[in-house]
Amino acid sequence: MASRFVISRDAAGAYRFRLVLGNGQTIAVSEAFTSRAACVNGIESVRRTAPEAALDDSEL
């Protein structure tokens, strides 16, 4: 199974998304969004920009 974005609501009622691998492991959790549309926009932003993301390793 491919990885997927899962949208849910937190205890405060805000929308969040998780990036979940095919094996069920969550590898990223978003900030809180006030609307579902804003949450979907956050997902689309990650989809567009992640391939270009640089690695900023503070250990170096």
N, C-alpha and C. Protein backbone atom coordinates (compact mmCIF):
# COMPACT_ATOMS: atom_id res chain seq x y z
N MET A 1 0.84 -1.18 0.00
CA MET A 1 0.00 0.00 0.00
C MET A 1 0.89 1.25 0.00
N ALA A 2 0.49 2.24 -0.72
CA ALA A 2 1.24 3.49 -0.82
C ALA A 2 1.03 4.35 0.43
N SER A 3 1.91 5.29 0.63
CA SER A 3 1.72 6.22 1.74
C SER A 3 0.51 7.10 1.44
N ARG A 4 -0.01 7.73 2.51
CA ARG A 4 -1.23 8.52 2.34
C ARG A 4 -1.25 9.66 3.37
N PHE A 5 -2.02 10.68 3.06
CA PHE A 5 -2.29 11.76 3.99
C PHE A 5 -3.63 11.47 4.64
N VAL A 6 -3.69 11.59 5.97
CA VAL A 6 -4.92 11.34 6.71
C VAL A 6 -5.30 12.62 7.43
N ILE A 7 -6.52 13.12 7.18
CA ILE A 7 -7.01 14.33 7.84
C ILE A 7 -7.89 13.91 9.01
N SER A 8 -7.68 14.58 10.15
CA SER A 8 -8.50 14.31 11.33
C SER A 8 -8.66 15.61 12.11
N ARG A 9 -9.48 15.55 13.13
CA ARG A 9 -9.67 16.70 14.02
C ARG A 9 -9.07 16.38 15.37
N ASP A 10 -8.42 17.37 15.96
CA ASP A 10 -7.81 17.15 17.28
C ASP A 10 -8.82 17.47 18.39
N ALA A 11 -8.38 17.36 19.64
CA ALA A 11 -9.27 17.57 20.78
C ALA A 11 -9.86 18.98 20.82
N ALA A 12 -9.15 19.94 20.26
CA ALA A 12 -9.63 21.33 20.23
C ALA A 12 -10.53 21.61 19.02
N GLY A 13 -10.72 20.62 18.15
CA GLY A 13 -11.57 20.78 16.99
C GLY A 13 -10.85 21.27 15.74
N ALA A 14 -9.54 21.47 15.84
CA ALA A 14 -8.76 21.91 14.68
C ALA A 14 -8.45 20.72 13.77
N TYR A 15 -8.21 21.03 12.51
CA TYR A 15 -7.86 20.00 11.53
C TYR A 15 -6.35 19.81 11.49
N ARG A 16 -5.93 18.58 11.36
CA ARG A 16 -4.51 18.24 11.21
C ARG A 16 -4.41 17.13 10.16
N PHE A 17 -3.23 17.03 9.55
CA PHE A 17 -3.00 15.88 8.68
C PHE A 17 -1.78 15.14 9.15
N ARG A 18 -1.79 13.84 8.89
CA ARG A 18 -0.65 12.98 9.16
C ARG A 18 -0.22 12.36 7.84
N LEU A 19 1.07 12.19 7.66
CA LEU A 19 1.60 11.43 6.53
C LEU A 19 1.90 10.04 7.05
N VAL A 20 1.20 9.05 6.50
CA VAL A 20 1.28 7.68 7.00
C VAL A 20 1.83 6.78 5.90
N LEU A 21 2.85 5.99 6.26
CA LEU A 21 3.44 5.04 5.32
C LEU A 21 2.50 3.86 5.08
N GLY A 22 2.79 3.09 4.07
CA GLY A 22 1.99 1.92 3.74
C GLY A 22 1.90 0.91 4.86
N ASN A 23 2.91 0.88 5.74
CA ASN A 23 2.91 -0.06 6.86
C ASN A 23 2.17 0.48 8.08
N GLY A 24 1.58 1.69 7.95
CA GLY A 24 0.81 2.27 9.05
C GLY A 24 1.60 3.22 9.94
N GLN A 25 2.89 3.35 9.72
CA GLN A 25 3.72 4.22 10.55
C GLN A 25 3.51 5.68 10.16
N THR A 26 3.21 6.53 11.16
CA THR A 26 3.08 7.97 10.94
C THR A 26 4.47 8.58 10.95
N ILE A 27 4.80 9.32 9.87
CA ILE A 27 6.13 9.92 9.79
C ILE A 27 6.11 11.44 9.87
N ALA A 28 4.93 12.05 9.80
CA ALA A 28 4.83 13.51 9.93
C ALA A 28 3.42 13.87 10.39
N VAL A 29 3.35 14.93 11.21
CA VAL A 29 2.07 15.46 11.68
C VAL A 29 2.11 16.97 11.46
N SER A 30 1.03 17.50 10.95
CA SER A 30 0.98 18.93 10.62
C SER A 30 0.68 19.79 11.84
N GLU A 31 0.77 21.08 11.61
CA GLU A 31 0.27 22.07 12.55
C GLU A 31 -1.26 22.00 12.55
N ALA A 32 -1.89 22.74 13.43
CA ALA A 32 -3.35 22.81 13.47
C ALA A 32 -3.86 23.82 12.45
N PHE A 33 -4.94 23.46 11.76
CA PHE A 33 -5.58 24.34 10.79
C PHE A 33 -7.01 24.62 11.25
N THR A 34 -7.50 25.82 10.99
CA THR A 34 -8.85 26.19 11.45
C THR A 34 -9.95 25.66 10.54
N SER A 35 -9.62 25.29 9.31
CA SER A 35 -10.64 24.76 8.40
C SER A 35 -10.08 23.56 7.64
N ARG A 36 -10.99 22.74 7.14
CA ARG A 36 -10.58 21.59 6.35
C ARG A 36 -9.91 22.04 5.07
N ALA A 37 -10.41 23.11 4.45
CA ALA A 37 -9.81 23.62 3.21
C ALA A 37 -8.37 24.06 3.44
N ALA A 38 -8.09 24.70 4.55
CA ALA A 38 -6.72 25.11 4.86
C ALA A 38 -5.83 23.88 5.07
N CYS A 39 -6.37 22.84 5.68
CA CYS A 39 -5.63 21.60 5.88
C CYS A 39 -5.28 20.96 4.55
N VAL A 40 -6.25 20.91 3.63
CA VAL A 40 -6.00 20.36 2.29
C VAL A 40 -4.95 21.20 1.57
N ASN A 41 -5.00 22.52 1.72
CA ASN A 41 -3.98 23.38 1.12
C ASN A 41 -2.60 23.07 1.70
N GLY A 42 -2.53 22.76 2.99
CA GLY A 42 -1.26 22.37 3.61
C GLY A 42 -0.71 21.09 3.00
N ILE A 43 -1.59 20.13 2.76
CA ILE A 43 -1.18 18.88 2.12
C ILE A 43 -0.64 19.16 0.73
N GLU A 44 -1.34 19.97 -0.04
CA GLU A 44 -0.90 20.30 -1.40
C GLU A 44 0.44 21.02 -1.38
N SER A 45 0.67 21.86 -0.40
CA SER A 45 1.94 22.55 -0.26
C SER A 45 3.08 21.56 -0.03
N VAL A 46 2.85 20.59 0.83
CA VAL A 46 3.87 19.56 1.08
C VAL A 46 4.13 18.76 -0.19
N ARG A 47 3.08 18.40 -0.89
CA ARG A 47 3.24 17.64 -2.14
C ARG A 47 4.08 18.40 -3.16
N ARG A 48 3.86 19.71 -3.27
CA ARG A 48 4.59 20.52 -4.25
C ARG A 48 6.04 20.76 -3.85
N THR A 49 6.31 21.02 -2.59
CA THR A 49 7.63 21.49 -2.17
C THR A 49 8.56 20.43 -1.62
N ALA A 50 8.06 19.31 -1.15
CA ALA A 50 8.91 18.31 -0.52
C ALA A 50 10.02 17.77 -1.42
N PRO A 51 9.79 17.54 -2.71
CA PRO A 51 10.88 17.04 -3.54
C PRO A 51 12.07 18.00 -3.63
N GLU A 52 11.81 19.29 -3.37
CA GLU A 52 12.87 20.29 -3.45
C GLU A 52 13.45 20.66 -2.08
N ALA A 53 12.93 20.07 -1.02
CA ALA A 53 13.34 20.45 0.33
C ALA A 53 14.80 20.07 0.59
N ALA A 54 15.51 21.02 1.16
CA ALA A 54 16.91 20.78 1.53
C ALA A 54 16.97 20.15 2.92
N LEU A 55 18.07 19.50 3.21
CA LEU A 55 18.30 18.93 4.53
C LEU A 55 19.10 19.94 5.35
N ASP A 56 18.55 20.35 6.48
CA ASP A 56 19.23 21.27 7.38
C ASP A 56 19.54 20.49 8.65
N ASP A 57 20.75 19.94 8.75
CA ASP A 57 21.12 19.08 9.85
C ASP A 57 21.89 19.89 10.90
N SER A 58 21.26 20.14 12.04
CA SER A 58 21.90 20.93 13.08
C SER A 58 23.04 20.18 13.77
N GLU A 59 23.20 18.90 13.50
CA GLU A 59 24.27 18.11 14.07
C GLU A 59 25.61 18.34 13.36
N LEU A 60 25.58 18.94 12.19
CA LEU A 60 26.82 19.13 11.44
C LEU A 60 27.60 20.33 11.91
